[in-house]
């Protein structure tokens, strides 16, 4: 009888053990941005949420100390880190489908400008990628799981010497962050130069480039106010929307419990909203503070704005052709029209945005993240 009771107790203990919460896990998080950068708030929110709502233990390697911006995608793929920030425009061939919508970012500022183009583009990009089978296949091929995108504020020309007219771009070496910006530079007679984000300061200070095509938030984000004299705003436009701040190694993701996956997804939702809103805030502040930092703010003329709008509309055909022929994106024309529709949808959703992180998070969560089922997402 005692033996029977002992066996029964052991059986119940084993059954009970099978239903207890999963053991804590340790994850390595690597990113290439300095802690002073406007984007770094995404890590603050992500890390804090994970810490406060789970037993996941994160070991964080910031500022490229483990993997720099060019190394993160292959490092994440190979398991050097479990979570990392991937700039997909740095890897056009690896992520052709998500880069398609990233290359359409100038649509968000062409024509009728929006007060918060970055927030619009981040929303459109995330809704597009989470629901794009071909995009998801690209991430799977790189052994990664996509958990969201953030966006910079609008892009402008941050230059060593002032650019006051269309002709001022001719012959200038312009740091390009993505293919569409490179085409813009060449269209107006400039020379596109590829420089990683964390090397912009040095490239400008040494005269390797004459201008950086970047958000004006970088006056303080990368301290570019120390190496430029002017910022021409309203001519270039577009945003850099190809920032996946919290991609996860696929094997790591699939080895986590549903509760852990849910926490990471929620942390990402809060992180992308925080950084996108912060870009918006810092850019607005920097425009006001620029003269005090020795940077002249030059507003684009009507002629410059019209020339840019014309370029953007013509470039759509170039994007379709390039992604079809070079990157073998299927149904590129249909996907472009779908992306256009999402950009318009998010323009409307954010028409009266109050600029706060909290309201942006709620909108992203209601429209996107709450609809993702972590029991099935990226599990095959």
Foldseek 3Di string as FASTA:
>chain_A
DVVVVVVVVVVVVVVVVVPDDDDEEEFEEEEAADCQALLNVLVVLLVVLCVVQHSYHYDYHYNCNQHHQLGPLLCQLVVVGFWFKHQCLSPCQLQVVLVLLLLLQQVQQADPHALQSQLLSQLLSQQLQLPPPVRQVSQVVSQKAFQGWAWAGKWWKFFQDDDAALQSLAAFEEEDDHDNLQVVSVVSHHHYDHDDPQCVQVCQQVVVGGIYGAQLLCCRNVVNLVRHQEIEPLQATGIRTRIRGTMGRLVVLLPDDLSSNLSSSLSSLLSNLSSSLSSSVSSVVCVVCSVVSNYYYHYHDPVSSVVNSVSSVVCLVVSLVCSCPPNVDPPSVVSVVSSVVSSVVSSVVCNPPPSDSVVSSVVSCVVHSVPDRSVPRSND
